[in-house]
């Protein structure tokens, strides 16, 4: 057809309403599919990262504990639990600033009381807590009940001859005595006092803040036990089973004859060296919840059962068994 101006006019064709609706529906389906793939990929990545984080936290926590505990009872050439060998050289820690166990044994031997190793459980009532130093009276933190804690006193695995730190304690050790010195005391420069071993008192325990469980540690410094920063987050429960030698001292052969919980280790067991090893079990929790996930599983840590409260956190158990060396072995801490 030719219009008034002599130009050809062609008939224009566009998309109909139905065609537009079909195109929109196809686009929506494609978008939904891509979105579903993206969300699934994001969730898989998040789960992988969460699982890796739990495993990393568990590995680091076990490394910290075993590195310390494998040297339990270590006092170089001497026997640290033989209280008659100690020369405190004026060293002392006020009871209110120390970590005392159930028989009031603190960082140094006093009144005939001293334990190189001791453990217990945080009770439901903090008023029944045997080691008062764990309760920091901070309203933002809370101790995790039913979890175990442990006190370790020993000499550091390798001696040192310089770089002494004033706030630390050191031991001059031979087969007949353990003499305590603090930091840069002038006696440390005396060639007679060599080698010198750093003296360690650590207490490991669990607390939580803003619903995040953490592994914490108290350490001995000048005249007090100091609360260190958080060591590892995500440790929700810590349980110990202790390896015991024979009950009768004359029958002991250094072999494991039973595994018992901390509450079943008697004062005599702690005091006579019957405890020769332990199993450490940790329940490690994710730091964030997983969407559309409910955890009501029961986890067995030694003789302790933990049932998840139906929350969205994923958990897993990590454990290790170690035997105390109880001998003169140099290990770099």
C-alpha atoms as a PDB file:
ATOM      1  CA  UNK A   1       0.000   0.000   0.000  1.00  0.00           C
ATOM      2  CA  UNK A   2       1.208   3.508  -0.888  1.00  0.00           C
ATOM      3  CA  UNK A   3       0.255   6.402   1.370  1.00  0.00           C
ATOM      4  CA  UNK A   4      -0.365  10.047   0.400  1.00  0.00           C
ATOM      5  CA  UNK A   5       3.338  10.817   0.258  1.00  0.00           C
ATOM      6  CA  UNK A   6       4.075   7.863  -1.976  1.00  0.00           C
ATOM      7  CA  UNK A   7       5.785   5.837   0.719  1.00  0.00           C
ATOM      8  CA  UNK A   8       5.199   2.147   1.286  1.00  0.00           C
ATOM      9  CA  UNK A   9       3.530   1.300   4.609  1.00  0.00           C
ATOM     10  CA  UNK A  10       4.066  -2.208   5.922  1.00  0.00           C
ATOM     11  CA  UNK A  11       1.926  -3.902   8.507  1.00  0.00           C
ATOM     12  CA  UNK A  12       3.692  -3.936  11.981  1.00  0.00           C
ATOM     13  CA  UNK A  13       3.610  -7.130  14.086  1.00  0.00           C
ATOM     14  CA  UNK A  14       4.442  -7.172  17.893  1.00  0.00           C
ATOM     15  CA  UNK A  15       4.281  -9.748  20.709  1.00  0.00           C
ATOM     16  CA  UNK A  16       0.888 -10.639  21.943  1.00  0.00           C
ATOM     17  CA  UNK A  17      -0.099 -10.654  25.628  1.00  0.00           C
ATOM     18  CA  UNK A  18       0.094 -14.448  25.661  1.00  0.00           C
ATOM     19  CA  UNK A  19       3.599 -14.431  24.185  1.00  0.00           C
ATOM     20  CA  UNK A  20       4.737 -11.885  26.761  1.00  0.00           C
ATOM     21  CA  UNK A  21       3.313 -13.987  29.580  1.00  0.00           C
ATOM     22  CA  UNK A  22       5.063 -17.108  28.285  1.00  0.00           C
ATOM     23  CA  UNK A  23       8.373 -15.227  28.012  1.00  0.00           C
ATOM     24  CA  UNK A  24       8.012 -13.844  31.529  1.00  0.00           C
ATOM     25  CA  UNK A  25       7.177 -17.279  32.939  1.00  0.00           C
ATOM     26  CA  UNK A  26      10.212 -18.827  31.242  1.00  0.00           C
ATOM     27  CA  UNK A  27      12.415 -16.050  32.570  1.00  0.00           C
ATOM     28  CA  UNK A  28      11.034 -16.578  36.080  1.00  0.00           C
ATOM     29  CA  UNK A  29      11.678 -20.329  35.895  1.00  0.00           C
ATOM     30  CA  UNK A  30      15.227 -19.750  34.710  1.00  0.00           C
ATOM     31  CA  UNK A  31      15.827 -17.160  37.426  1.00  0.00           C
ATOM     32  CA  UNK A  32      14.395 -19.477  40.090  1.00  0.00           C
ATOM     33  CA  UNK A  33      16.622 -22.286  38.889  1.00  0.00           C
ATOM     34  CA  UNK A  34      19.719 -20.134  38.960  1.00  0.00           C
ATOM     35  CA  UNK A  35      18.767 -18.772  42.391  1.00  0.00           C
ATOM     36  CA  UNK A  36      18.238 -22.304  43.708  1.00  0.00           C
ATOM     37  CA  UNK A  37      21.656 -23.373  42.433  1.00  0.00           C
ATOM     38  CA  UNK A  38      23.242 -20.273  43.969  1.00  0.00           C
ATOM     39  CA  UNK A  39      21.580 -20.836  47.362  1.00  0.00           C
ATOM     40  CA  UNK A  40      22.529 -24.526  47.359  1.00  0.00           C
ATOM     41  CA  UNK A  41      26.098 -23.654  46.458  1.00  0.00           C
ATOM     42  CA  UNK A  42      26.202 -20.981  49.158  1.00  0.00           C
ATOM     43  CA  UNK A  43      24.853 -23.407  51.772  1.00  0.00           C
ATOM     44  CA  UNK A  44      27.336 -26.106  50.746  1.00  0.00           C
ATOM     45  CA  UNK A  45      30.181 -23.598  51.016  1.00  0.00           C
ATOM     46  CA  UNK A  46      28.914 -22.410  54.405  1.00  0.00           C
ATOM     47  CA  UNK A  47      28.622 -26.004  55.681  1.00  0.00           C
ATOM     48  CA  UNK A  48      32.122 -26.828  54.453  1.00  0.00           C
ATOM     49  CA  UNK A  49      33.540 -23.739  56.130  1.00  0.00           C
ATOM     50  CA  UNK A  50      31.623 -24.503  59.344  1.00  0.00           C
ATOM     51  CA  UNK A  51      32.871 -28.090  59.391  1.00  0.00           C
ATOM     52  CA  UNK A  52      36.419 -26.955  58.740  1.00  0.00           C
ATOM     53  CA  UNK A  53      36.157 -24.369  61.508  1.00  0.00           C
ATOM     54  CA  UNK A  54      34.942 -26.987  64.012  1.00  0.00           C
ATOM     55  CA  UNK A  55      37.757 -29.360  63.104  1.00  0.00           C
ATOM     56  CA  UNK A  56      40.347 -26.586  63.307  1.00  0.00           C
ATOM     57  CA  UNK A  57      39.081 -25.427  66.715  1.00  0.00           C
ATOM     58  CA  UNK A  58      39.031 -29.016  68.010  1.00  0.00           C
ATOM     59  CA  UNK A  59      42.554 -29.693  66.742  1.00  0.00           C
ATOM     60  CA  UNK A  60      43.945 -26.503  68.277  1.00  0.00           C
ATOM     61  CA  UNK A  61      42.256 -27.100  71.645  1.00  0.00           C
ATOM     62  CA  UNK A  62      43.556 -30.675  71.837  1.00  0.00           C
ATOM     63  CA  UNK A  63      47.027 -29.495  70.852  1.00  0.00           C
ATOM     64  CA  UNK A  64      47.074 -26.922  73.670  1.00  0.00           C
ATOM     65  CA  UNK A  65      45.901 -29.420  76.269  1.00  0.00           C
ATOM     66  CA  UNK A  66      48.093 -32.345  75.234  1.00  0.00           C
ATOM     67  CA  UNK A  67      51.173 -30.164  74.858  1.00  0.00           C
ATOM     68  CA  UNK A  68      50.792 -29.160  78.506  1.00  0.00           C
ATOM     69  CA  UNK A  69      49.568 -32.458  79.919  1.00  0.00           C
ATOM     70  CA  UNK A  70      52.144 -34.706  78.286  1.00  0.00           C
ATOM     71  CA  UNK A  71      54.671 -33.113  80.664  1.00  0.00           C
ATOM     72  CA  UNK A  72      52.543 -33.571  83.797  1.00  0.00           C
ATOM     73  CA  UNK A  73      54.675 -34.314  86.877  1.00  0.00           C
ATOM     74  CA  UNK A  74      57.837 -33.133  85.095  1.00  0.00           C
ATOM     75  CA  UNK A  75      60.399 -31.525  87.420  1.00  0.00           C
ATOM     76  CA  UNK A  76      63.666 -32.357  85.681  1.00  0.00           C
ATOM     77  CA  UNK A  77      65.991 -34.358  87.951  1.00  0.00           C
ATOM     78  CA  UNK A  78      63.795 -33.996  91.037  1.00  0.00           C
ATOM     79  CA  UNK A  79      60.367 -35.210  92.095  1.00  0.00           C
ATOM     80  CA  UNK A  80      58.109 -32.182  92.284  1.00  0.00           C
ATOM     81  CA  UNK A  81      55.563 -33.862  94.526  1.00  0.00           C
ATOM     82  CA  UNK A  82      58.190 -34.518  97.199  1.00  0.00           C
ATOM     83  CA  UNK A  83      57.362 -31.454  99.286  1.00  0.00           C
ATOM     84  CA  UNK A  84      60.476 -31.830 101.424  1.00  0.00           C
ATOM     85  CA  UNK A  85      62.682 -30.980  98.421  1.00  0.00           C
ATOM     86  CA  UNK A  86      61.219 -27.512  97.888  1.00  0.00           C
ATOM     87  CA  UNK A  87      63.003 -24.325  98.968  1.00  0.00           C
ATOM     88  CA  UNK A  88      60.409 -21.630  98.337  1.00  0.00           C
ATOM     89  CA  UNK A  89      62.989 -18.883  98.796  1.00  0.00           C
ATOM     90  CA  UNK A  90      60.231 -16.507  99.958  1.00  0.00           C
ATOM     91  CA  UNK A  91      57.872 -17.267  97.056  1.00  0.00           C
ATOM     92  CA  UNK A  92      54.198 -17.353  97.957  1.00  0.00           C
ATOM     93  CA  UNK A  93      50.785 -16.540  96.522  1.00  0.00           C
ATOM     94  CA  UNK A  94      47.961 -15.157  98.650  1.00  0.00           C
ATOM     95  CA  UNK A  95      45.119 -17.687  98.811  1.00  0.00           C
ATOM     96  CA  UNK A  96      42.584 -15.197  97.419  1.00  0.00           C
ATOM     97  CA  UNK A  97      44.795 -14.664  94.338  1.00  0.00           C
ATOM     98  CA  UNK A  98      45.737 -18.308  93.884  1.00  0.00           C
ATOM     99  CA  UNK A  99      43.917 -21.353  92.472  1.00  0.00           C
ATOM    100  CA  UNK A 100      43.390 -23.771  95.352  1.00  0.00           C
ATOM    101  CA  UNK A 101      42.041 -27.288  94.901  1.00  0.00           C
ATOM    102  CA  UNK A 102      39.775 -29.264  97.240  1.00  0.00           C
ATOM    103  CA  UNK A 103      42.527 -29.652  99.865  1.00  0.00           C
ATOM    104  CA  UNK A 104      43.684 -26.018  99.493  1.00  0.00           C
ATOM    105  CA  UNK A 105      46.793 -26.991  97.543  1.00  0.00           C
ATOM    106  CA  UNK A 106      47.960 -23.920  95.611  1.00  0.00           C
ATOM    107  CA  UNK A 107      50.744 -22.935  93.273  1.00  0.00           C
ATOM    108  CA  UNK A 108      53.479 -23.726  95.814  1.00  0.00           C
ATOM    109  CA  UNK A 109      53.727 -26.305  98.617  1.00  0.00           C
ATOM    110  CA  UNK A 110      52.243 -24.953 101.851  1.00  0.00           C
ATOM    111  CA  UNK A 111      51.302 -26.645 105.118  1.00  0.00           C
ATOM    112  CA  UNK A 112      52.349 -29.973 103.663  1.00  0.00           C
ATOM    113  CA  UNK A 113      49.890 -29.672 100.764  1.00  0.00           C
ATOM    114  CA  UNK A 114      50.851 -29.858  97.107  1.00  0.00           C
ATOM    115  CA  UNK A 115      49.448 -31.548  94.014  1.00  0.00           C
ATOM    116  CA  UNK A 116      51.095 -31.395  90.614  1.00  0.00           C
ATOM    117  CA  UNK A 117      47.875 -32.538  88.918  1.00  0.00           C
ATOM    118  CA  UNK A 118      44.220 -32.302  89.900  1.00  0.00           C
ATOM    119  CA  UNK A 119      40.856 -32.101  88.131  1.00  0.00           C
ATOM    120  CA  UNK A 120      37.204 -31.667  88.975  1.00  0.00           C
ATOM    121  CA  UNK A 121      33.840 -30.717  87.444  1.00  0.00           C
ATOM    122  CA  UNK A 122      32.004 -27.381  87.403  1.00  0.00           C
ATOM    123  CA  UNK A 123      28.825 -27.968  89.443  1.00  0.00           C
ATOM    124  CA  UNK A 124      25.342 -26.699  88.653  1.00  0.00           C
ATOM    125  CA  UNK A 125      25.605 -24.442  91.703  1.00  0.00           C
ATOM    126  CA  UNK A 126      28.652 -22.163  91.503  1.00  0.00           C
ATOM    127  CA  UNK A 127      28.500 -21.929  95.285  1.00  0.00           C
ATOM    128  CA  UNK A 128      29.721 -25.538  95.353  1.00  0.00           C
ATOM    129  CA  UNK A 129      32.670 -24.815  93.050  1.00  0.00           C
ATOM    130  CA  UNK A 130      35.851 -26.298  94.582  1.00  0.00           C
ATOM    131  CA  UNK A 131      38.310 -24.003  92.771  1.00  0.00           C
ATOM    132  CA  UNK A 132      37.040 -20.472  93.466  1.00  0.00           C
ATOM    133  CA  UNK A 133      39.481 -18.764  91.094  1.00  0.00           C
ATOM    134  CA  UNK A 134      37.418 -19.929  88.108  1.00  0.00           C
ATOM    135  CA  UNK A 135      34.477 -17.691  88.993  1.00  0.00           C
ATOM    136  CA  UNK A 136      35.435 -14.221  87.739  1.00  0.00           C
ATOM    137  CA  UNK A 137      32.144 -12.600  88.905  1.00  0.00           C
ATOM    138  CA  UNK A 138      31.704 -11.095  85.440  1.00  0.00           C
ATOM    139  CA  UNK A 139      27.998 -10.780  84.622  1.00  0.00           C
ATOM    140  CA  UNK A 140      28.765 -11.144  80.892  1.00  0.00           C
ATOM    141  CA  UNK A 141      30.413 -14.565  81.268  1.00  0.00           C
ATOM    142  CA  UNK A 142      29.291 -17.808  82.836  1.00  0.00           C
ATOM    143  CA  UNK A 143      31.058 -21.059  83.629  1.00  0.00           C
ATOM    144  CA  UNK A 144      29.810 -24.076  81.671  1.00  0.00           C
ATOM    145  CA  UNK A 145      28.345 -26.474  84.196  1.00  0.00           C
ATOM    146  CA  UNK A 146      29.057 -30.214  84.039  1.00  0.00           C
ATOM    147  CA  UNK A 147      32.297 -29.557  82.141  1.00  0.00           C
ATOM    148  CA  UNK A 148      35.620 -30.631  83.654  1.00  0.00           C
ATOM    149  CA  UNK A 149      38.580 -28.403  84.491  1.00  0.00           C
ATOM    150  CA  UNK A 150      42.171 -29.281  85.313  1.00  0.00           C
ATOM    151  CA  UNK A 151      45.112 -27.819  87.250  1.00  0.00           C
ATOM    152  CA  UNK A 152      48.682 -28.572  86.091  1.00  0.00           C
ATOM    153  CA  UNK A 153      51.895 -27.630  87.917  1.00  0.00           C
ATOM    154  CA  UNK A 154      55.269 -28.537  86.430  1.00  0.00           C
ATOM    155  CA  UNK A 155      58.601 -27.364  85.125  1.00  0.00           C
ATOM    156  CA  UNK A 156      58.779 -26.223  81.512  1.00  0.00           C
ATOM    157  CA  UNK A 157      60.093 -28.858  79.125  1.00  0.00           C
ATOM    158  CA  UNK A 158      63.422 -27.159  78.341  1.00  0.00           C
ATOM    159  CA  UNK A 159      65.746 -25.185  80.631  1.00  0.00           C
ATOM    160  CA  UNK A 160      66.836 -21.622  79.919  1.00  0.00           C
ATOM    161  CA  UNK A 161      69.886 -19.549  80.811  1.00  0.00           C
ATOM    162  CA  UNK A 162      68.768 -16.044  79.867  1.00  0.00           C
ATOM    163  CA  UNK A 163      65.766 -13.902  78.830  1.00  0.00           C
ATOM    164  CA  UNK A 164      64.182 -14.205  82.248  1.00  0.00           C
ATOM    165  CA  UNK A 165      60.892 -12.354  82.737  1.00  0.00           C
ATOM    166  CA  UNK A 166      60.329 -10.558  86.021  1.00  0.00           C
ATOM    167  CA  UNK A 167      56.724 -11.692  86.493  1.00  0.00           C
ATOM    168  CA  UNK A 168      57.575 -15.406  86.131  1.00  0.00           C
ATOM    169  CA  UNK A 169      58.931 -17.995  88.555  1.00  0.00           C
ATOM    170  CA  UNK A 170      61.918 -20.255  87.868  1.00  0.00           C
ATOM    171  CA  UNK A 171      63.298 -23.374  89.521  1.00  0.00           C
ATOM    172  CA  UNK A 172      66.904 -24.314  90.210  1.00  0.00           C
ATOM    173  CA  UNK A 173      66.622 -28.106  90.278  1.00  0.00           C
ATOM    174  CA  UNK A 174      68.898 -30.953  91.238  1.00  0.00           C
ATOM    175  CA  UNK A 175      68.250 -34.385  92.696  1.00  0.00           C
ATOM    176  CA  UNK A 176      68.011 -33.068  96.253  1.00  0.00           C
ATOM    177  CA  UNK A 177      66.244 -29.711  95.948  1.00  0.00           C
ATOM    178  CA  UNK A 178      63.967 -27.373  93.992  1.00  0.00           C
ATOM    179  CA  UNK A 179      64.772 -23.732  94.745  1.00  0.00           C
ATOM    180  CA  UNK A 180      62.271 -21.110  93.591  1.00  0.00           C
ATOM    181  CA  UNK A 181      63.388 -17.793  92.105  1.00  0.00           C
ATOM    182  CA  UNK A 182      61.341 -14.977  90.703  1.00  0.00           C
ATOM    183  CA  UNK A 183      62.180 -13.418  87.357  1.00  0.00           C
ATOM    184  CA  UNK A 184      65.405 -11.461  87.155  1.00  0.00           C
ATOM    185  CA  UNK A 185      66.578 -12.110  90.724  1.00  0.00           C
ATOM    186  CA  UNK A 186      70.322 -11.661  91.040  1.00  0.00           C
ATOM    187  CA  UNK A 187      70.770 -15.343  91.914  1.00  0.00           C
ATOM    188  CA  UNK A 188      69.813 -16.246  88.353  1.00  0.00           C
ATOM    189  CA  UNK A 189      73.057 -14.739  87.077  1.00  0.00           C
ATOM    190  CA  UNK A 190      75.096 -16.959  89.375  1.00  0.00           C
ATOM    191  CA  UNK A 191      76.780 -19.724  87.389  1.00  0.00           C
ATOM    192  CA  UNK A 192      75.947 -22.108  90.228  1.00  0.00           C
ATOM    193  CA  UNK A 193      72.252 -21.709  89.413  1.00  0.00           C
ATOM    194  CA  UNK A 194      72.241 -23.252  85.952  1.00  0.00           C
ATOM    195  CA  UNK A 195      70.238 -24.492  84.214  1.00  0.00           C
ATOM    196  CA  UNK A 196      67.027 -22.820  85.355  1.00  0.00           C
ATOM    197  CA  UNK A 197      63.581 -24.152  84.535  1.00  0.00           C
ATOM    198  CA  UNK A 198      60.461 -22.006  84.253  1.00  0.00           C
ATOM    199  CA  UNK A 199      57.775 -23.017  86.734  1.00  0.00           C
ATOM    200  CA  UNK A 200      54.263 -23.378  85.322  1.00  0.00           C
ATOM    201  CA  UNK A 201      50.838 -23.519  86.955  1.00  0.00           C
ATOM    202  CA  UNK A 202      47.963 -23.650  84.452  1.00  0.00           C
ATOM    203  CA  UNK A 203      44.238 -24.171  84.997  1.00  0.00           C
ATOM    204  CA  UNK A 204      42.103 -24.983  81.926  1.00  0.00           C
ATOM    205  CA  UNK A 205      38.310 -24.549  82.007  1.00  0.00           C
ATOM    206  CA  UNK A 206      35.278 -23.579  79.896  1.00  0.00           C
ATOM    207  CA  UNK A 207      33.047 -20.522  80.056  1.00  0.00           C
ATOM    208  CA  UNK A 208      30.687 -18.730  77.661  1.00  0.00           C
ATOM    209  CA  UNK A 209      29.933 -15.176  76.619  1.00  0.00           C
ATOM    210  CA  UNK A 210      27.071 -14.092  74.332  1.00  0.00           C
ATOM    211  CA  UNK A 211      26.184 -17.791  73.989  1.00  0.00           C
ATOM    212  CA  UNK A 212      29.639 -18.603  72.609  1.00  0.00           C
ATOM    213  CA  UNK A 213      31.461 -21.343  74.590  1.00  0.00           C
ATOM    214  CA  UNK A 214      35.230 -20.906  74.986  1.00  0.00           C
ATOM    215  CA  UNK A 215      38.317 -22.689  76.304  1.00  0.00           C
ATOM    216  CA  UNK A 216      40.085 -20.454  78.828  1.00  0.00           C
ATOM    217  CA  UNK A 217      43.236 -20.684  80.945  1.00  0.00           C
ATOM    218  CA  UNK A 218      44.579 -19.226  84.183  1.00  0.00           C
ATOM    219  CA  UNK A 219      48.383 -18.889  84.466  1.00  0.00           C
ATOM    220  CA  UNK A 220      50.752 -18.183  87.341  1.00  0.00           C
ATOM    221  CA  UNK A 221      52.469 -14.801  87.344  1.00  0.00           C
ATOM    222  CA  UNK A 222      54.088 -12.760  90.105  1.00  0.00           C
ATOM    223  CA  UNK A 223      52.007 -13.356  93.236  1.00  0.00           C
ATOM    224  CA  UNK A 224      48.772 -14.289  91.427  1.00  0.00           C
ATOM    225  CA  UNK A 225      46.956 -16.433  88.913  1.00  0.00           C
ATOM    226  CA  UNK A 226      46.092 -14.392  85.814  1.00  0.00           C
ATOM    227  CA  UNK A 227      43.136 -15.032  83.523  1.00  0.00           C
ATOM    228  CA  UNK A 228      44.364 -15.247  79.942  1.00  0.00           C
ATOM    229  CA  UNK A 229      42.484 -14.280  76.817  1.00  0.00           C
ATOM    230  CA  UNK A 230      40.202 -16.823  75.154  1.00  0.00           C
ATOM    231  CA  UNK A 231      42.234 -19.723  73.757  1.00  0.00           C
ATOM    232  CA  UNK A 232      39.638 -21.375  71.501  1.00  0.00           C
ATOM    233  CA  UNK A 233      35.981 -20.618  70.764  1.00  0.00           C
ATOM    234  CA  UNK A 234      33.295 -23.218  70.175  1.00  0.00           C
ATOM    235  CA  UNK A 235      34.358 -25.750  72.866  1.00  0.00           C
ATOM    236  CA  UNK A 236      31.019 -26.557  74.505  1.00  0.00           C
ATOM    237  CA  UNK A 237      31.964 -29.435  76.785  1.00  0.00           C
ATOM    238  CA  UNK A 238      35.270 -30.817  78.094  1.00  0.00           C
ATOM    239  CA  UNK A 239      35.356 -34.203  79.783  1.00  0.00           C
ATOM    240  CA  UNK A 240      38.247 -36.202  81.234  1.00  0.00           C
ATOM    241  CA  UNK A 241      38.655 -39.906  81.910  1.00  0.00           C
ATOM    242  CA  UNK A 242      41.749 -40.740  83.956  1.00  0.00           C
ATOM    243  CA  UNK A 243      43.959 -43.810  83.554  1.00  0.00           C
ATOM    244  CA  UNK A 244      44.793 -45.451  86.872  1.00  0.00           C
ATOM    245  CA  UNK A 245      47.561 -47.862  87.808  1.00  0.00           C
ATOM    246  CA  UNK A 246      47.032 -50.574  90.433  1.00  0.00           C
ATOM    247  CA  UNK A 247      45.574 -49.424  93.745  1.00  0.00           C
ATOM    248  CA  UNK A 248      48.321 -50.975  95.892  1.00  0.00           C
ATOM    249  CA  UNK A 249      51.570 -49.038  95.374  1.00  0.00           C
ATOM    250  CA  UNK A 250      53.731 -52.184  95.512  1.00  0.00           C
ATOM    251  CA  UNK A 251      51.667 -53.719  92.673  1.00  0.00           C
ATOM    252  CA  UNK A 252      52.005 -50.802  90.255  1.00  0.00           C
ATOM    253  CA  UNK A 253      53.638 -51.561  86.933  1.00  0.00           C
ATOM    254  CA  UNK A 254      53.018 -48.393  84.908  1.00  0.00           C
ATOM    255  CA  UNK A 255      50.190 -50.035  82.933  1.00  0.00           C
ATOM    256  CA  UNK A 256      46.598 -48.771  82.714  1.00  0.00           C
ATOM    257  CA  UNK A 257      44.239 -50.893  84.807  1.00  0.00           C
ATOM    258  CA  UNK A 258      41.123 -48.695  84.712  1.00  0.00           C
ATOM    259  CA  UNK A 259      39.652 -45.495  83.272  1.00  0.00           C
ATOM    260  CA  UNK A 260      37.510 -43.368  85.587  1.00  0.00           C
ATOM    261  CA  UNK A 261      35.953 -39.901  85.569  1.00  0.00           C
ATOM    262  CA  UNK A 262      37.371 -36.979  87.541  1.00  0.00           C
ATOM    263  CA  UNK A 263      34.808 -37.489  90.322  1.00  0.00           C
ATOM    264  CA  UNK A 264      35.972 -41.084  90.784  1.00  0.00           C
ATOM    265  CA  UNK A 265      39.633 -40.218  91.302  1.00  0.00           C
ATOM    266  CA  UNK A 266      40.200 -40.233  95.056  1.00  0.00           C
ATOM    267  CA  UNK A 267      42.426 -37.817  97.002  1.00  0.00           C
ATOM    268  CA  UNK A 268      44.830 -40.709  97.567  1.00  0.00           C
ATOM    269  CA  UNK A 269      44.977 -41.369  93.806  1.00  0.00           C
ATOM    270  CA  UNK A 270      46.001 -37.754  93.143  1.00  0.00           C
ATOM    271  CA  UNK A 271      48.504 -37.694  95.995  1.00  0.00           C
ATOM    272  CA  UNK A 272      50.272 -41.003  95.349  1.00  0.00           C
ATOM    273  CA  UNK A 273      50.828 -40.815  91.590  1.00  0.00           C
ATOM    274  CA  UNK A 274      48.266 -43.484  90.703  1.00  0.00           C
ATOM    275  CA  UNK A 275      46.957 -41.295  87.850  1.00  0.00           C
ATOM    276  CA  UNK A 276      49.213 -42.133  84.903  1.00  0.00           C
ATOM    277  CA  UNK A 277      47.268 -40.866  81.887  1.00  0.00           C
ATOM    278  CA  UNK A 278      43.953 -39.582  80.627  1.00  0.00           C
ATOM    279  CA  UNK A 279      41.467 -39.361  77.803  1.00  0.00           C
ATOM    280  CA  UNK A 280      40.365 -35.870  76.758  1.00  0.00           C
ATOM    281  CA  UNK A 281      36.975 -35.538  75.048  1.00  0.00           C
ATOM    282  CA  UNK A 282      35.770 -32.232  73.612  1.00  0.00           C
ATOM    283  CA  UNK A 283      32.360 -31.347  72.207  1.00  0.00           C
ATOM    284  CA  UNK A 284      32.929 -28.718  69.531  1.00  0.00           C
ATOM    285  CA  UNK A 285      30.048 -26.516  68.376  1.00  0.00           C
ATOM    286  CA  UNK A 286      29.676 -24.295  65.329  1.00  0.00           C
ATOM    287  CA  UNK A 287      29.746 -20.587  66.081  1.00  0.00           C
ATOM    288  CA  UNK A 288      26.673 -19.930  63.911  1.00  0.00           C
ATOM    289  CA  UNK A 289      23.411 -21.802  63.398  1.00  0.00           C
ATOM    290  CA  UNK A 290      22.588 -23.655  60.170  1.00  0.00           C
ATOM    291  CA  UNK A 291      19.311 -22.753  58.382  1.00  0.00           C
ATOM    292  CA  UNK A 292      16.544 -25.366  58.545  1.00  0.00           C
ATOM    293  CA  UNK A 293      18.602 -27.531  60.903  1.00  0.00           C
ATOM    294  CA  UNK A 294      17.545 -28.756  64.338  1.00  0.00           C
ATOM    295  CA  UNK A 295      20.002 -30.566  66.572  1.00  0.00           C
ATOM    296  CA  UNK A 296      18.556 -32.842  69.253  1.00  0.00           C
ATOM    297  CA  UNK A 297      21.309 -35.482  69.044  1.00  0.00           C
ATOM    298  CA  UNK A 298      22.975 -37.061  72.064  1.00  0.00           C
ATOM    299  CA  UNK A 299      26.772 -37.031  72.257  1.00  0.00           C
ATOM    300  CA  UNK A 300      28.778 -39.385  74.463  1.00  0.00           C
ATOM    301  CA  UNK A 301      31.995 -37.984  75.967  1.00  0.00           C
ATOM    302  CA  UNK A 302      33.542 -40.634  78.183  1.00  0.00           C
ATOM    303  CA  UNK A 303      30.885 -41.446  80.760  1.00  0.00           C
ATOM    304  CA  UNK A 304      29.096 -38.105  80.214  1.00  0.00           C
ATOM    305  CA  UNK A 305      26.129 -37.701  77.854  1.00  0.00           C
ATOM    306  CA  UNK A 306      25.266 -34.365  76.282  1.00  0.00           C
ATOM    307  CA  UNK A 307      21.896 -33.887  74.550  1.00  0.00           C
ATOM    308  CA  UNK A 308      21.633 -30.907  72.214  1.00  0.00           C
ATOM    309  CA  UNK A 309      18.729 -28.593  73.185  1.00  0.00           C
ATOM    310  CA  UNK A 310      17.041 -28.625  69.785  1.00  0.00           C
ATOM    311  CA  UNK A 311      18.936 -25.636  68.444  1.00  0.00           C
ATOM    312  CA  UNK A 312      20.458 -24.991  65.022  1.00  0.00           C
ATOM    313  CA  UNK A 313      24.114 -25.573  65.928  1.00  0.00           C
ATOM    314  CA  UNK A 314      26.087 -28.446  64.446  1.00  0.00           C
ATOM    315  CA  UNK A 315      28.425 -30.317  66.769  1.00  0.00           C
ATOM    316  CA  UNK A 316      31.084 -33.006  66.734  1.00  0.00           C
ATOM    317  CA  UNK A 317      33.315 -34.838  69.210  1.00  0.00           C
ATOM    318  CA  UNK A 318      37.112 -34.760  69.244  1.00  0.00           C
ATOM    319  CA  UNK A 319      39.210 -36.835  71.621  1.00  0.00           C
ATOM    320  CA  UNK A 320      42.697 -38.081  72.349  1.00  0.00           C
ATOM    321  CA  UNK A 321      44.395 -40.379  74.856  1.00  0.00           C
ATOM    322  CA  UNK A 322      47.792 -39.707  76.417  1.00  0.00           C
ATOM    323  CA  UNK A 323      50.008 -41.332  79.008  1.00  0.00           C
ATOM    324  CA  UNK A 324      52.020 -39.067  81.277  1.00  0.00           C
ATOM    325  CA  UNK A 325      55.733 -39.468  80.679  1.00  0.00           C
ATOM    326  CA  UNK A 326      56.670 -38.892  84.325  1.00  0.00           C
ATOM    327  CA  UNK A 327      60.348 -38.935  83.468  1.00  0.00           C
ATOM    328  CA  UNK A 328      63.256 -36.690  82.603  1.00  0.00           C
ATOM    329  CA  UNK A 329      62.323 -35.862  79.011  1.00  0.00           C
ATOM    330  CA  UNK A 330      63.221 -32.547  77.391  1.00  0.00           C
ATOM    331  CA  UNK A 331      60.364 -31.276  75.261  1.00  0.00           C
ATOM    332  CA  UNK A 332      60.196 -27.761  73.869  1.00  0.00           C
ATOM    333  CA  UNK A 333      56.954 -26.140  75.051  1.00  0.00           C
END
